[in-house]
Amino acid sequence: MQNGACTACDFILTVTGVVTSNYGNNENLTLTLCSQNDGDAMTINFSEFSMLFEADFLSIYDGASALIPQISKYSGTGSPRYVLVDYIQ
C-alpha cells in the first residue's frame, strides 16, 4: 500500500506494493478510495487479510477524511470480506 488516492474501479491492494511479502515495521499509511462519480457507493472485497492482532489496524471511514465517521476497524485475521461505503456529502 502507499499514501495517496485512487479512483480506479479494479485494483489489488497489497502491502507496500509487494504481493508476496509481509508489511514493514512502523508503517502508517493512508489511502483514500474515491468513486469515479461523486456520490456513488463503493464496494471493497477482500480476498485475503492478515494483520498482527490488536497491534495493527485497518480503519475504514465513510468519507475522504479520518474526521468523517468510522465505519469499521479490523485487526488480526478476521477478514472484512465485503464492505459497502455509501458516502453522501
C-alpha atoms as a PDB file:
ATOM      1  CA  MET A   1       0.000   0.000   0.000  1.00  0.00           C
ATOM      2  CA  GLN A   2       1.057   3.589  -0.408  1.00  0.00           C
ATOM      3  CA  ASN A   3      -0.139   7.012   0.681  1.00  0.00           C
ATOM      4  CA  GLY A   4      -2.382   8.680  -1.881  1.00  0.00           C
ATOM      5  CA  ALA A   5      -5.746   8.440  -3.601  1.00  0.00           C
ATOM      6  CA  CYS A   6      -7.281   6.097  -6.160  1.00  0.00           C
ATOM      7  CA  THR A   7     -10.362   6.243  -8.398  1.00  0.00           C
ATOM      8  CA  ALA A   8      -9.707   3.046 -10.396  1.00  0.00           C
ATOM      9  CA  CYS A   9     -12.562   0.532 -10.463  1.00  0.00           C
ATOM     10  CA  ASP A  10     -10.459  -2.633 -10.126  1.00  0.00           C
ATOM     11  CA  PHE A  11      -7.091  -2.926  -8.400  1.00  0.00           C
ATOM     12  CA  ILE A  12      -5.153  -5.107  -5.987  1.00  0.00           C
ATOM     13  CA  LEU A  13      -4.194  -3.531  -2.686  1.00  0.00           C
ATOM     14  CA  THR A  14      -1.005  -5.084  -1.373  1.00  0.00           C
ATOM     15  CA  VAL A  15       1.379  -4.422   1.474  1.00  0.00           C
ATOM     16  CA  THR A  16       3.783  -1.689   0.442  1.00  0.00           C
ATOM     17  CA  GLY A  17       3.215  -2.603  -3.216  1.00  0.00           C
ATOM     18  CA  VAL A  18       4.567  -6.165  -2.984  1.00  0.00           C
ATOM     19  CA  VAL A  19       2.215  -9.137  -3.424  1.00  0.00           C
ATOM     20  CA  THR A  20       4.410 -11.815  -1.827  1.00  0.00           C
ATOM     21  CA  SER A  21       5.790 -10.246   1.366  1.00  0.00           C
ATOM     22  CA  ASN A  22       4.690  -9.017   4.786  1.00  0.00           C
ATOM     23  CA  TYR A  23       4.214  -5.344   5.551  1.00  0.00           C
ATOM     24  CA  GLY A  24       7.113  -3.491   7.150  1.00  0.00           C
ATOM     25  CA  ASN A  25       7.590  -2.224  10.690  1.00  0.00           C
ATOM     26  CA  ASN A  26       6.160   1.167  11.678  1.00  0.00           C
ATOM     27  CA  GLU A  27       4.076   1.626   8.523  1.00  0.00           C
ATOM     28  CA  ASN A  28       1.437   4.327   8.913  1.00  0.00           C
ATOM     29  CA  LEU A  29      -0.242   4.816   5.545  1.00  0.00           C
ATOM     30  CA  THR A  30      -3.441   6.444   4.318  1.00  0.00           C
ATOM     31  CA  LEU A  31      -5.089   5.532   1.015  1.00  0.00           C
ATOM     32  CA  THR A  32      -8.248   7.368   0.007  1.00  0.00           C
ATOM     33  CA  LEU A  33     -10.513   5.465  -2.376  1.00  0.00           C
ATOM     34  CA  CYS A  34     -12.982   7.595  -4.318  1.00  0.00           C
ATOM     35  CA  SER A  35     -15.817   6.553  -6.591  1.00  0.00           C
ATOM     36  CA  GLN A  36     -15.497   7.673 -10.192  1.00  0.00           C
ATOM     37  CA  ASN A  37     -18.697   9.714  -9.820  1.00  0.00           C
ATOM     38  CA  ASP A  38     -19.341  11.905  -6.765  1.00  0.00           C
ATOM     39  CA  GLY A  39     -21.979  10.373  -4.512  1.00  0.00           C
ATOM     40  CA  ASP A  40     -21.745   6.834  -5.940  1.00  0.00           C
ATOM     41  CA  ALA A  41     -21.483   3.978  -3.454  1.00  0.00           C
ATOM     42  CA  MET A  42     -18.354   1.826  -3.400  1.00  0.00           C
ATOM     43  CA  THR A  43     -17.767  -1.782  -2.501  1.00  0.00           C
ATOM     44  CA  ILE A  44     -14.488  -3.238  -1.323  1.00  0.00           C
ATOM     45  CA  ASN A  45     -13.946  -7.002  -1.494  1.00  0.00           C
ATOM     46  CA  PHE A  46     -11.106  -8.566   0.494  1.00  0.00           C
ATOM     47  CA  SER A  47      -9.840 -11.919  -0.769  1.00  0.00           C
ATOM     48  CA  GLU A  48      -7.119 -12.144   1.926  1.00  0.00           C
ATOM     49  CA  PHE A  49      -6.489 -10.273   5.152  1.00  0.00           C
ATOM     50  CA  SER A  50      -3.882 -10.770   7.878  1.00  0.00           C
ATOM     51  CA  MET A  51      -2.542  -8.295  10.420  1.00  0.00           C
ATOM     52  CA  LEU A  52      -0.949  -8.555  13.850  1.00  0.00           C
ATOM     53  CA  PHE A  53      -3.944  -8.838  16.200  1.00  0.00           C
ATOM     54  CA  GLU A  54      -4.564  -5.766  18.393  1.00  0.00           C
ATOM     55  CA  ALA A  55      -1.288  -4.193  17.235  1.00  0.00           C
ATOM     56  CA  ASP A  56      -2.006  -3.326  13.585  1.00  0.00           C
ATOM     57  CA  PHE A  57      -5.297  -1.991  12.255  1.00  0.00           C
ATOM     58  CA  LEU A  58      -7.195  -1.195   9.093  1.00  0.00           C
ATOM     59  CA  SER A  59      -9.755   1.581   9.634  1.00  0.00           C
ATOM     60  CA  ILE A  60     -12.458   2.371   7.074  1.00  0.00           C
ATOM     61  CA  TYR A  61     -14.222   5.735   7.069  1.00  0.00           C
ATOM     62  CA  ASP A  62     -17.342   6.859   5.196  1.00  0.00           C
ATOM     63  CA  GLY A  63     -15.720   9.846   3.518  1.00  0.00           C
ATOM     64  CA  ALA A  64     -12.468  11.409   2.414  1.00  0.00           C
ATOM     65  CA  SER A  65     -11.083  12.139   5.884  1.00  0.00           C
ATOM     66  CA  ALA A  66     -10.439  10.481   9.233  1.00  0.00           C
ATOM     67  CA  LEU A  67     -12.675  13.217  10.661  1.00  0.00           C
ATOM     68  CA  ILE A  68     -15.660  11.534   8.949  1.00  0.00           C
ATOM     69  CA  PRO A  69     -17.445   8.771  10.951  1.00  0.00           C
ATOM     70  CA  GLN A  70     -15.560   5.489  11.076  1.00  0.00           C
ATOM     71  CA  ILE A  71     -17.459   2.551   9.536  1.00  0.00           C
ATOM     72  CA  SER A  72     -15.262  -0.202  10.923  1.00  0.00           C
ATOM     73  CA  LYS A  73     -11.843  -1.165  12.245  1.00  0.00           C
ATOM     74  CA  TYR A  74     -10.153  -4.524  11.597  1.00  0.00           C
ATOM     75  CA  SER A  75      -7.220  -6.381  13.128  1.00  0.00           C
ATOM     76  CA  GLY A  76      -5.896  -9.950  13.123  1.00  0.00           C
ATOM     77  CA  THR A  77      -7.068 -12.464  10.544  1.00  0.00           C
ATOM     78  CA  GLY A  78     -10.825 -11.762  10.673  1.00  0.00           C
ATOM     79  CA  SER A  79     -11.274 -10.619   7.079  1.00  0.00           C
ATOM     80  CA  PRO A  80     -13.679  -7.758   6.444  1.00  0.00           C
ATOM     81  CA  ARG A  81     -14.681  -9.747   3.304  1.00  0.00           C
ATOM     82  CA  TYR A  82     -17.101  -7.171   1.847  1.00  0.00           C
ATOM     83  CA  VAL A  83     -17.502  -3.503   2.781  1.00  0.00           C
ATOM     84  CA  LEU A  84     -20.093  -1.098   1.321  1.00  0.00           C
ATOM     85  CA  VAL A  85     -19.372   2.615   1.583  1.00  0.00           C
ATOM     86  CA  ASP A  86     -22.233   4.913   0.636  1.00  0.00           C
ATOM     87  CA  TYR A  87     -20.804   8.387   1.257  1.00  0.00           C
ATOM     88  CA  ILE A  88     -23.173  11.311   0.742  1.00  0.00           C
ATOM     89  CA  GLN A  89     -21.747  14.811   1.161  1.00  0.00           C
END
